N, C-alpha and C. Protein backbone atom coordinates (compact mmCIF):
# COMPACT_ATOMS: atom_id res chain seq x y z
N MET A 1 -33.74 -43.38 -6.93
CA MET A 1 -34.54 -42.87 -8.02
C MET A 1 -33.86 -43.28 -9.33
N LYS A 2 -34.65 -43.71 -10.28
CA LYS A 2 -34.15 -44.04 -11.61
C LYS A 2 -34.48 -42.90 -12.55
N THR A 3 -33.62 -42.72 -13.56
CA THR A 3 -33.85 -41.70 -14.56
C THR A 3 -33.37 -42.22 -15.90
N THR A 4 -33.51 -41.46 -16.94
CA THR A 4 -33.14 -41.89 -18.29
C THR A 4 -32.22 -40.85 -18.91
N LEU A 5 -31.25 -41.32 -19.68
CA LEU A 5 -30.40 -40.42 -20.45
C LEU A 5 -31.23 -39.83 -21.59
N ILE A 6 -31.11 -38.53 -21.80
CA ILE A 6 -31.83 -37.88 -22.89
C ILE A 6 -30.82 -37.29 -23.87
N PRO A 7 -31.11 -37.33 -25.16
CA PRO A 7 -30.17 -36.78 -26.15
C PRO A 7 -30.12 -35.26 -26.09
N ILE A 8 -28.88 -34.72 -26.12
CA ILE A 8 -28.65 -33.27 -26.21
C ILE A 8 -27.55 -33.10 -27.25
N GLY A 9 -27.92 -32.88 -28.50
CA GLY A 9 -26.94 -32.82 -29.59
C GLY A 9 -26.23 -34.16 -29.70
N ASN A 10 -24.89 -34.15 -29.71
CA ASN A 10 -24.10 -35.39 -29.76
C ASN A 10 -23.85 -35.97 -28.38
N SER A 11 -24.34 -35.31 -27.33
CA SER A 11 -24.12 -35.77 -25.96
C SER A 11 -25.41 -36.32 -25.39
N ARG A 12 -25.36 -36.69 -24.12
CA ARG A 12 -26.54 -37.15 -23.40
C ARG A 12 -26.59 -36.40 -22.08
N GLY A 13 -27.81 -36.25 -21.56
CA GLY A 13 -27.98 -35.53 -20.31
C GLY A 13 -28.95 -36.25 -19.39
N VAL A 14 -29.04 -35.76 -18.18
CA VAL A 14 -29.95 -36.30 -17.18
C VAL A 14 -30.70 -35.13 -16.57
N ARG A 15 -32.00 -35.27 -16.40
CA ARG A 15 -32.78 -34.24 -15.70
C ARG A 15 -32.60 -34.47 -14.20
N ILE A 16 -32.24 -33.42 -13.49
CA ILE A 16 -32.07 -33.52 -12.05
C ILE A 16 -33.28 -32.88 -11.38
N PRO A 17 -33.97 -33.62 -10.52
CA PRO A 17 -35.15 -33.06 -9.86
C PRO A 17 -34.80 -31.81 -9.03
N LYS A 18 -35.73 -30.85 -9.02
CA LYS A 18 -35.53 -29.58 -8.31
C LYS A 18 -35.13 -29.76 -6.84
N PRO A 19 -35.77 -30.68 -6.08
CA PRO A 19 -35.35 -30.86 -4.68
C PRO A 19 -33.87 -31.25 -4.54
N PHE A 20 -33.37 -32.07 -5.48
CA PHE A 20 -31.96 -32.45 -5.45
C PHE A 20 -31.08 -31.22 -5.69
N ILE A 21 -31.48 -30.42 -6.66
CA ILE A 21 -30.71 -29.21 -7.01
C ILE A 21 -30.64 -28.27 -5.81
N GLU A 22 -31.78 -28.05 -5.16
CA GLU A 22 -31.82 -27.15 -4.00
C GLU A 22 -31.02 -27.69 -2.84
N LYS A 23 -31.15 -28.99 -2.56
CA LYS A 23 -30.45 -29.60 -1.43
C LYS A 23 -28.94 -29.55 -1.61
N CYS A 24 -28.48 -29.69 -2.84
CA CYS A 24 -27.04 -29.69 -3.12
C CYS A 24 -26.49 -28.30 -3.42
N GLY A 25 -27.37 -27.30 -3.53
CA GLY A 25 -26.92 -25.94 -3.83
C GLY A 25 -26.35 -25.81 -5.22
N LEU A 26 -26.92 -26.53 -6.18
CA LEU A 26 -26.42 -26.48 -7.55
C LEU A 26 -27.03 -25.29 -8.29
N GLU A 27 -26.18 -24.55 -9.00
CA GLU A 27 -26.66 -23.47 -9.88
C GLU A 27 -25.52 -23.07 -10.79
N GLY A 28 -25.85 -22.67 -11.99
CA GLY A 28 -24.83 -22.21 -12.93
C GLY A 28 -23.79 -23.28 -13.22
N GLU A 29 -22.54 -22.93 -13.02
CA GLU A 29 -21.43 -23.82 -13.31
C GLU A 29 -21.35 -24.95 -12.29
N LEU A 30 -21.04 -26.16 -12.77
CA LEU A 30 -20.95 -27.35 -11.91
C LEU A 30 -19.62 -28.06 -12.15
N GLU A 31 -19.20 -28.86 -11.19
CA GLU A 31 -18.06 -29.75 -11.37
C GLU A 31 -18.62 -31.15 -11.62
N ILE A 32 -18.01 -31.87 -12.55
CA ILE A 32 -18.44 -33.24 -12.84
C ILE A 32 -17.19 -34.12 -12.83
N ASP A 33 -17.33 -35.31 -12.26
CA ASP A 33 -16.19 -36.20 -12.10
C ASP A 33 -16.68 -37.64 -12.17
N ILE A 34 -15.76 -38.58 -12.31
CA ILE A 34 -16.08 -40.00 -12.28
C ILE A 34 -15.25 -40.63 -11.18
N ALA A 35 -15.90 -41.42 -10.33
CA ALA A 35 -15.20 -42.14 -9.26
C ALA A 35 -15.90 -43.47 -9.04
N ASP A 36 -15.13 -44.54 -9.06
CA ASP A 36 -15.67 -45.89 -8.82
C ASP A 36 -16.89 -46.19 -9.68
N GLY A 37 -16.85 -45.84 -10.95
CA GLY A 37 -17.93 -46.13 -11.87
C GLY A 37 -19.16 -45.26 -11.72
N ALA A 38 -19.08 -44.22 -10.90
CA ALA A 38 -20.21 -43.32 -10.68
C ALA A 38 -19.88 -41.93 -11.23
N VAL A 39 -20.87 -41.26 -11.78
CA VAL A 39 -20.73 -39.88 -12.22
C VAL A 39 -21.10 -39.00 -11.02
N ILE A 40 -20.20 -38.08 -10.68
CA ILE A 40 -20.43 -37.20 -9.53
C ILE A 40 -20.60 -35.78 -10.04
N ILE A 41 -21.72 -35.17 -9.68
CA ILE A 41 -22.01 -33.78 -10.04
C ILE A 41 -22.10 -32.99 -8.75
N ARG A 42 -21.37 -31.89 -8.66
CA ARG A 42 -21.39 -31.09 -7.43
C ARG A 42 -21.17 -29.62 -7.74
N ALA A 43 -21.55 -28.78 -6.78
CA ALA A 43 -21.28 -27.35 -6.89
C ALA A 43 -19.77 -27.16 -6.84
N PRO A 44 -19.22 -26.19 -7.58
CA PRO A 44 -17.77 -25.96 -7.53
C PRO A 44 -17.32 -25.64 -6.11
N ARG A 45 -16.15 -26.14 -5.76
CA ARG A 45 -15.58 -25.82 -4.45
C ARG A 45 -15.15 -24.37 -4.44
N ARG A 46 -15.47 -23.69 -3.35
CA ARG A 46 -15.08 -22.29 -3.20
C ARG A 46 -13.59 -22.19 -2.90
N ALA A 47 -12.91 -21.30 -3.58
CA ALA A 47 -11.50 -21.06 -3.26
C ALA A 47 -11.40 -20.61 -1.81
N ARG A 48 -10.45 -21.14 -1.11
CA ARG A 48 -10.19 -20.80 0.29
C ARG A 48 -11.37 -21.12 1.21
N GLY A 49 -12.19 -22.11 0.82
CA GLY A 49 -13.31 -22.52 1.66
C GLY A 49 -12.81 -22.92 3.05
N GLY A 50 -13.41 -22.37 4.08
CA GLY A 50 -13.04 -22.69 5.46
C GLY A 50 -11.92 -21.83 6.02
N TRP A 51 -11.26 -21.03 5.18
CA TRP A 51 -10.14 -20.23 5.67
C TRP A 51 -10.58 -19.19 6.69
N ALA A 52 -11.68 -18.50 6.44
CA ALA A 52 -12.11 -17.42 7.35
C ALA A 52 -12.28 -17.97 8.76
N GLU A 53 -12.94 -19.11 8.88
CA GLU A 53 -13.16 -19.71 10.20
C GLU A 53 -11.83 -20.13 10.85
N ALA A 54 -10.93 -20.69 10.05
CA ALA A 54 -9.63 -21.11 10.58
C ALA A 54 -8.82 -19.91 11.08
N PHE A 55 -8.82 -18.81 10.32
CA PHE A 55 -8.06 -17.63 10.74
C PHE A 55 -8.72 -16.94 11.94
N LYS A 56 -10.06 -16.99 12.04
CA LYS A 56 -10.73 -16.47 13.24
C LYS A 56 -10.26 -17.23 14.47
N HIS A 57 -10.18 -18.54 14.34
CA HIS A 57 -9.74 -19.39 15.46
C HIS A 57 -8.30 -19.06 15.85
N ILE A 58 -7.42 -18.90 14.86
CA ILE A 58 -6.02 -18.54 15.13
C ILE A 58 -5.95 -17.20 15.85
N ALA A 59 -6.70 -16.21 15.34
CA ALA A 59 -6.69 -14.87 15.94
C ALA A 59 -7.21 -14.92 17.38
N ARG A 60 -8.25 -15.69 17.62
CA ARG A 60 -8.82 -15.81 18.96
C ARG A 60 -7.78 -16.38 19.92
N ARG A 61 -7.07 -17.43 19.49
CA ARG A 61 -6.03 -18.03 20.34
C ARG A 61 -4.91 -17.03 20.62
N ARG A 62 -4.51 -16.26 19.60
CA ARG A 62 -3.44 -15.28 19.80
C ARG A 62 -3.86 -14.19 20.77
N ARG A 63 -5.11 -13.73 20.66
CA ARG A 63 -5.59 -12.69 21.59
C ARG A 63 -5.60 -13.20 23.02
N GLN A 64 -5.93 -14.46 23.21
CA GLN A 64 -5.99 -15.04 24.55
C GLN A 64 -4.61 -15.12 25.18
N THR A 65 -3.56 -15.28 24.36
CA THR A 65 -2.21 -15.41 24.91
C THR A 65 -1.39 -14.13 24.78
N ALA A 66 -1.94 -13.09 24.13
CA ALA A 66 -1.20 -11.84 23.92
C ALA A 66 -1.11 -11.04 25.21
N ARG A 67 -0.08 -10.21 25.27
CA ARG A 67 0.04 -9.27 26.40
C ARG A 67 -1.09 -8.25 26.29
N PRO A 68 -1.64 -7.80 27.40
CA PRO A 68 -2.78 -6.87 27.36
C PRO A 68 -2.54 -5.65 26.48
N ARG A 69 -1.32 -5.08 26.45
CA ARG A 69 -1.07 -3.87 25.66
C ARG A 69 -1.10 -4.14 24.16
N ASP A 70 -0.95 -5.41 23.74
CA ASP A 70 -0.95 -5.74 22.31
C ASP A 70 -2.33 -6.14 21.79
N ARG A 71 -3.25 -6.47 22.67
CA ARG A 71 -4.54 -7.03 22.24
C ARG A 71 -5.36 -6.09 21.38
N HIS A 72 -5.30 -4.79 21.63
CA HIS A 72 -6.19 -3.86 20.91
C HIS A 72 -5.80 -3.66 19.46
N THR A 73 -4.57 -3.97 19.07
CA THR A 73 -4.16 -3.73 17.68
C THR A 73 -3.97 -5.01 16.88
N MET A 74 -4.19 -6.17 17.47
CA MET A 74 -3.94 -7.41 16.73
C MET A 74 -4.85 -7.50 15.53
N GLY A 75 -4.26 -7.78 14.35
CA GLY A 75 -5.05 -7.92 13.13
C GLY A 75 -5.30 -6.60 12.42
N GLN A 76 -4.81 -5.48 12.97
CA GLN A 76 -5.00 -4.18 12.32
C GLN A 76 -3.65 -3.51 12.14
N GLY A 77 -3.60 -2.57 11.23
CA GLY A 77 -2.39 -1.78 11.07
C GLY A 77 -2.23 -0.84 12.26
N GLU A 78 -1.14 -0.14 12.29
CA GLU A 78 -0.85 0.75 13.42
C GLU A 78 -1.97 1.77 13.64
N MET A 79 -2.60 2.20 12.56
CA MET A 79 -3.66 3.20 12.66
C MET A 79 -5.04 2.54 12.80
N GLY A 80 -5.08 1.21 12.94
CA GLY A 80 -6.35 0.51 13.03
C GLY A 80 -7.09 0.48 11.70
N VAL A 81 -6.36 0.56 10.58
CA VAL A 81 -6.93 0.63 9.24
C VAL A 81 -7.36 -0.76 8.79
N GLU A 82 -8.53 -0.86 8.17
CA GLU A 82 -8.97 -2.11 7.59
C GLU A 82 -8.22 -2.32 6.28
N VAL A 83 -7.65 -3.50 6.12
CA VAL A 83 -6.85 -3.83 4.95
C VAL A 83 -7.61 -4.84 4.11
N LYS A 84 -7.81 -4.52 2.81
CA LYS A 84 -8.53 -5.42 1.92
C LYS A 84 -7.68 -5.75 0.70
N ARG A 85 -7.92 -6.94 0.17
CA ARG A 85 -7.22 -7.36 -1.04
C ARG A 85 -7.49 -6.35 -2.15
N PHE A 86 -6.48 -6.04 -2.92
CA PHE A 86 -6.49 -5.11 -4.05
C PHE A 86 -6.36 -3.65 -3.62
N ASP A 87 -6.38 -3.36 -2.31
CA ASP A 87 -6.11 -2.00 -1.85
C ASP A 87 -4.65 -1.67 -2.11
N VAL A 88 -4.37 -0.40 -2.26
CA VAL A 88 -2.99 0.07 -2.41
C VAL A 88 -2.67 0.96 -1.21
N PHE A 89 -1.61 0.62 -0.50
CA PHE A 89 -1.15 1.37 0.67
C PHE A 89 0.29 1.78 0.48
N GLN A 90 0.67 2.85 1.15
CA GLN A 90 2.10 3.12 1.28
C GLN A 90 2.58 2.24 2.42
N ALA A 91 3.68 1.54 2.19
CA ALA A 91 4.24 0.66 3.21
C ALA A 91 5.72 0.93 3.38
N ALA A 92 6.18 0.83 4.61
CA ALA A 92 7.60 0.99 4.92
C ALA A 92 8.27 -0.37 4.76
N LEU A 93 9.11 -0.52 3.74
CA LEU A 93 9.70 -1.82 3.43
C LEU A 93 11.10 -2.02 4.02
N ASP A 94 11.68 -1.00 4.61
CA ASP A 94 13.01 -1.17 5.22
C ASP A 94 12.87 -1.84 6.57
N PRO A 95 13.82 -2.61 7.02
CA PRO A 95 15.11 -2.90 6.40
C PRO A 95 15.00 -3.95 5.29
N THR A 96 15.94 -3.88 4.37
CA THR A 96 15.98 -4.84 3.27
C THR A 96 17.40 -5.37 3.13
N ILE A 97 17.53 -6.40 2.31
CA ILE A 97 18.84 -6.99 2.03
C ILE A 97 18.98 -7.12 0.52
N GLY A 98 20.17 -6.84 0.00
CA GLY A 98 20.45 -7.06 -1.42
C GLY A 98 19.56 -6.27 -2.35
N ARG A 99 18.92 -6.96 -3.28
CA ARG A 99 18.14 -6.31 -4.34
C ARG A 99 16.67 -6.14 -4.01
N GLU A 100 16.27 -6.34 -2.78
CA GLU A 100 14.88 -6.14 -2.41
C GLU A 100 14.51 -4.67 -2.58
N ILE A 101 13.27 -4.42 -2.97
CA ILE A 101 12.79 -3.04 -3.10
C ILE A 101 12.78 -2.41 -1.71
N LYS A 102 13.30 -1.18 -1.65
CA LYS A 102 13.50 -0.50 -0.37
C LYS A 102 12.52 0.65 -0.17
N LYS A 103 12.61 1.26 0.95
CA LYS A 103 11.96 2.50 1.40
C LYS A 103 10.44 2.42 1.44
N LYS A 104 9.81 3.56 1.72
CA LYS A 104 8.35 3.64 1.70
C LYS A 104 7.91 3.75 0.25
N ARG A 105 6.91 2.93 -0.09
CA ARG A 105 6.42 2.96 -1.47
C ARG A 105 5.03 2.37 -1.55
N PRO A 106 4.31 2.64 -2.64
CA PRO A 106 2.99 2.03 -2.80
C PRO A 106 3.12 0.51 -2.93
N CYS A 107 2.24 -0.19 -2.27
CA CYS A 107 2.21 -1.65 -2.34
C CYS A 107 0.77 -2.10 -2.47
N ARG A 108 0.58 -3.12 -3.25
CA ARG A 108 -0.74 -3.69 -3.46
C ARG A 108 -0.90 -4.88 -2.54
N ILE A 109 -2.03 -4.97 -1.84
CA ILE A 109 -2.30 -6.10 -0.97
C ILE A 109 -2.72 -7.28 -1.84
N VAL A 110 -2.01 -8.42 -1.71
CA VAL A 110 -2.36 -9.60 -2.49
C VAL A 110 -2.95 -10.71 -1.63
N SER A 111 -2.80 -10.62 -0.31
CA SER A 111 -3.35 -11.67 0.55
C SER A 111 -4.88 -11.60 0.55
N PRO A 112 -5.53 -12.77 0.67
CA PRO A 112 -7.00 -12.78 0.65
C PRO A 112 -7.59 -12.19 1.93
N ASP A 113 -8.79 -11.66 1.82
CA ASP A 113 -9.44 -11.00 2.95
C ASP A 113 -9.68 -11.95 4.12
N GLU A 114 -9.81 -13.26 3.85
CA GLU A 114 -9.96 -14.22 4.94
C GLU A 114 -8.77 -14.14 5.89
N MET A 115 -7.59 -13.84 5.36
CA MET A 115 -6.39 -13.66 6.19
C MET A 115 -6.32 -12.24 6.73
N ASN A 116 -6.56 -11.27 5.86
CA ASN A 116 -6.39 -9.86 6.21
C ASN A 116 -7.21 -9.45 7.42
N ARG A 117 -8.40 -10.02 7.58
CA ARG A 117 -9.27 -9.64 8.68
C ARG A 117 -8.82 -10.18 10.03
N HIS A 118 -8.01 -11.24 10.04
CA HIS A 118 -7.80 -11.94 11.30
C HIS A 118 -6.36 -12.07 11.78
N ILE A 119 -5.38 -11.77 10.94
CA ILE A 119 -4.00 -11.89 11.42
C ILE A 119 -3.26 -10.57 11.23
N GLY A 120 -2.15 -10.44 11.91
CA GLY A 120 -1.42 -9.17 11.96
C GLY A 120 -0.43 -8.94 10.84
N THR A 121 -0.44 -9.81 9.83
CA THR A 121 0.45 -9.63 8.68
C THR A 121 -0.38 -9.62 7.40
N VAL A 122 0.20 -9.06 6.34
CA VAL A 122 -0.42 -9.07 5.01
C VAL A 122 0.65 -9.42 3.98
N ILE A 123 0.21 -9.97 2.87
CA ILE A 123 1.11 -10.26 1.75
C ILE A 123 0.94 -9.13 0.75
N ILE A 124 2.07 -8.52 0.38
CA ILE A 124 2.03 -7.35 -0.50
C ILE A 124 2.91 -7.57 -1.73
N ALA A 125 2.62 -6.79 -2.76
CA ALA A 125 3.48 -6.70 -3.94
C ALA A 125 3.81 -5.22 -4.12
N PRO A 126 5.09 -4.86 -4.04
CA PRO A 126 5.46 -3.45 -4.23
C PRO A 126 5.13 -2.96 -5.63
N MET A 127 4.95 -1.65 -5.74
CA MET A 127 4.70 -1.01 -7.03
C MET A 127 5.86 -0.07 -7.32
N THR A 128 6.19 0.09 -8.58
CA THR A 128 7.27 0.99 -8.96
C THR A 128 6.91 1.71 -10.25
N SER A 129 7.48 2.90 -10.43
CA SER A 129 7.30 3.62 -11.68
C SER A 129 8.54 3.47 -12.56
N LYS A 130 9.49 2.67 -12.09
CA LYS A 130 10.72 2.40 -12.85
C LYS A 130 10.82 0.90 -13.11
N GLY A 131 11.83 0.52 -13.84
CA GLY A 131 12.06 -0.90 -14.08
C GLY A 131 11.70 -1.31 -15.49
N ARG A 132 12.02 -2.56 -15.79
CA ARG A 132 11.78 -3.06 -17.13
C ARG A 132 10.58 -3.99 -17.16
N ASN A 133 10.00 -4.10 -18.34
CA ASN A 133 8.88 -5.02 -18.50
C ASN A 133 9.38 -6.45 -18.39
N ALA A 134 8.60 -7.28 -17.75
CA ALA A 134 8.92 -8.69 -17.60
C ALA A 134 7.61 -9.43 -17.34
N PRO A 135 7.56 -10.72 -17.65
CA PRO A 135 6.31 -11.46 -17.47
C PRO A 135 5.81 -11.47 -16.02
N ARG A 136 6.70 -11.29 -15.07
CA ARG A 136 6.32 -11.33 -13.65
C ARG A 136 5.93 -9.95 -13.11
N ARG A 137 5.85 -8.97 -13.97
CA ARG A 137 5.46 -7.61 -13.58
C ARG A 137 4.22 -7.20 -14.36
N VAL A 138 3.28 -6.61 -13.65
CA VAL A 138 2.02 -6.22 -14.28
C VAL A 138 1.99 -4.72 -14.47
N PRO A 139 1.92 -4.25 -15.73
CA PRO A 139 1.84 -2.80 -15.97
C PRO A 139 0.52 -2.25 -15.42
N CYS A 140 0.59 -1.04 -14.90
CA CYS A 140 -0.63 -0.42 -14.39
C CYS A 140 -0.48 1.10 -14.39
N THR A 141 -1.62 1.76 -14.34
CA THR A 141 -1.65 3.20 -14.12
C THR A 141 -2.42 3.39 -12.83
N PHE A 142 -1.77 4.03 -11.87
CA PHE A 142 -2.43 4.26 -10.58
C PHE A 142 -2.27 5.72 -10.21
N GLN A 143 -3.38 6.39 -9.98
CA GLN A 143 -3.41 7.81 -9.67
C GLN A 143 -2.62 8.63 -10.70
N GLY A 144 -2.79 8.26 -11.98
CA GLY A 144 -2.18 8.99 -13.08
C GLY A 144 -0.71 8.67 -13.34
N VAL A 145 -0.13 7.74 -12.59
CA VAL A 145 1.29 7.40 -12.76
C VAL A 145 1.39 6.02 -13.40
N GLN A 146 2.17 5.95 -14.51
CA GLN A 146 2.43 4.67 -15.16
C GLN A 146 3.46 3.92 -14.34
N GLY A 147 3.23 2.64 -14.13
CA GLY A 147 4.20 1.85 -13.38
C GLY A 147 3.94 0.37 -13.53
N GLN A 148 4.47 -0.37 -12.56
CA GLN A 148 4.35 -1.82 -12.58
C GLN A 148 4.11 -2.33 -11.16
N ILE A 149 3.39 -3.44 -11.07
CA ILE A 149 3.27 -4.18 -9.82
C ILE A 149 4.32 -5.26 -9.90
N VAL A 150 5.25 -5.24 -8.96
CA VAL A 150 6.46 -6.07 -9.03
C VAL A 150 6.20 -7.40 -8.31
N LEU A 151 5.68 -8.37 -9.05
CA LEU A 151 5.29 -9.64 -8.44
C LEU A 151 6.47 -10.54 -8.09
N ASP A 152 7.66 -10.22 -8.60
CA ASP A 152 8.83 -10.99 -8.19
C ASP A 152 9.39 -10.50 -6.85
N GLN A 153 8.72 -9.52 -6.24
CA GLN A 153 9.14 -8.99 -4.94
C GLN A 153 8.03 -9.16 -3.88
N ILE A 154 7.12 -10.12 -4.11
CA ILE A 154 6.05 -10.37 -3.13
C ILE A 154 6.69 -10.71 -1.79
N ARG A 155 6.10 -10.16 -0.72
CA ARG A 155 6.59 -10.47 0.63
C ARG A 155 5.49 -10.27 1.66
N THR A 156 5.73 -10.80 2.84
CA THR A 156 4.81 -10.62 3.96
C THR A 156 5.37 -9.52 4.85
N ILE A 157 4.50 -8.60 5.25
CA ILE A 157 4.91 -7.55 6.18
C ILE A 157 3.92 -7.49 7.34
N ASP A 158 4.36 -6.96 8.45
CA ASP A 158 3.49 -6.71 9.59
C ASP A 158 2.60 -5.52 9.25
N LYS A 159 1.37 -5.55 9.73
CA LYS A 159 0.45 -4.44 9.43
C LYS A 159 0.93 -3.12 10.01
N SER A 160 1.82 -3.16 10.98
CA SER A 160 2.36 -1.90 11.52
C SER A 160 3.23 -1.18 10.50
N GLN A 161 3.65 -1.85 9.42
CA GLN A 161 4.45 -1.23 8.38
C GLN A 161 3.60 -0.46 7.36
N ILE A 162 2.28 -0.61 7.46
CA ILE A 162 1.37 0.11 6.57
C ILE A 162 1.24 1.55 7.06
N VAL A 163 1.45 2.49 6.16
CA VAL A 163 1.47 3.90 6.54
C VAL A 163 0.15 4.59 6.22
N ILE A 164 -0.28 4.55 4.96
CA ILE A 164 -1.48 5.27 4.55
C ILE A 164 -2.11 4.57 3.35
N LYS A 165 -3.44 4.63 3.27
CA LYS A 165 -4.14 4.03 2.13
C LYS A 165 -4.19 5.04 0.99
N PHE A 166 -3.79 4.57 -0.21
CA PHE A 166 -3.82 5.41 -1.40
C PHE A 166 -5.08 5.20 -2.22
N GLY A 167 -5.62 3.99 -2.21
CA GLY A 167 -6.79 3.70 -3.03
C GLY A 167 -6.89 2.23 -3.34
N ARG A 168 -7.39 1.94 -4.53
CA ARG A 168 -7.67 0.56 -4.92
C ARG A 168 -7.35 0.40 -6.40
N LEU A 169 -6.84 -0.76 -6.77
CA LEU A 169 -6.56 -1.03 -8.17
C LEU A 169 -7.84 -1.31 -8.94
N SER A 170 -7.81 -1.06 -10.23
CA SER A 170 -8.97 -1.33 -11.08
C SER A 170 -9.19 -2.84 -11.16
N PRO A 171 -10.43 -3.28 -11.36
CA PRO A 171 -10.69 -4.72 -11.49
C PRO A 171 -9.88 -5.41 -12.59
N PRO A 172 -9.72 -4.81 -13.79
CA PRO A 172 -8.91 -5.52 -14.80
C PRO A 172 -7.45 -5.72 -14.36
N THR A 173 -6.87 -4.72 -13.69
CA THR A 173 -5.50 -4.86 -13.20
C THR A 173 -5.44 -5.92 -12.10
N SER A 174 -6.42 -5.91 -11.21
CA SER A 174 -6.46 -6.91 -10.14
C SER A 174 -6.56 -8.32 -10.72
N ASP A 175 -7.40 -8.49 -11.75
CA ASP A 175 -7.53 -9.80 -12.40
C ASP A 175 -6.22 -10.24 -13.02
N ARG A 176 -5.52 -9.29 -13.65
CA ARG A 176 -4.23 -9.62 -14.28
C ARG A 176 -3.21 -10.03 -13.22
N VAL A 177 -3.19 -9.34 -12.09
CA VAL A 177 -2.27 -9.70 -11.00
C VAL A 177 -2.54 -11.13 -10.53
N LEU A 178 -3.81 -11.46 -10.29
CA LEU A 178 -4.14 -12.81 -9.85
C LEU A 178 -3.73 -13.85 -10.88
N HIS A 179 -3.90 -13.54 -12.16
CA HIS A 179 -3.51 -14.46 -13.22
C HIS A 179 -2.00 -14.70 -13.21
N VAL A 180 -1.22 -13.62 -13.11
CA VAL A 180 0.24 -13.77 -13.13
C VAL A 180 0.73 -14.49 -11.87
N VAL A 181 0.16 -14.18 -10.71
CA VAL A 181 0.54 -14.89 -9.48
C VAL A 181 0.24 -16.39 -9.64
N GLY A 182 -0.93 -16.70 -10.19
CA GLY A 182 -1.27 -18.09 -10.44
C GLY A 182 -0.27 -18.77 -11.37
N GLU A 183 0.14 -18.07 -12.42
CA GLU A 183 1.14 -18.61 -13.35
C GLU A 183 2.48 -18.83 -12.65
N MET A 184 2.85 -17.89 -11.78
CA MET A 184 4.14 -18.01 -11.09
C MET A 184 4.21 -19.24 -10.19
N PHE A 185 3.08 -19.58 -9.56
CA PHE A 185 3.11 -20.64 -8.57
C PHE A 185 2.46 -21.94 -9.01
N THR A 186 2.06 -22.03 -10.29
CA THR A 186 1.48 -23.28 -10.78
C THR A 186 2.59 -24.29 -11.02
N LYS A 187 2.23 -25.53 -11.01
CA LYS A 187 3.21 -26.61 -11.20
C LYS A 187 3.71 -26.64 -12.61
């Protein structure tokens, strides 16, 4: 199909026929790129696309090779609790070494739900009501207590270390945590 560039202010645009838009799943925000002299327009890639299916496959393989007594709790905490990103749980963090945060304390789940639903571990960030402000710590108020989410102490724990669910962080705090984690691990 041939088309024509049309003026849009100081730029130029192309009308894309509706069947093309529907077939490609284009809506709202788009990605645009140049490759081999061609302009490529596509729907944005979903973060963690394909992860849910990959973790389902891993969990299925583990269940097939697990001892019968372990099969009923795989992928769940000791109490069979569903764990979701941004939830806050009390978690038993001992044993620890050196300056790691110790004991039972509130922890925020940072691992994505694609992982949380299918494997027996979660990635957490401990919370504290003490400590100093630092760029790697996100201030928050949770259940009326001022504190911080300690992103320099992120770790993976087994779901059996989760004790009780306290609640969920507010969306603005969750967004700030994701931003700081992204900053910590960007190149």
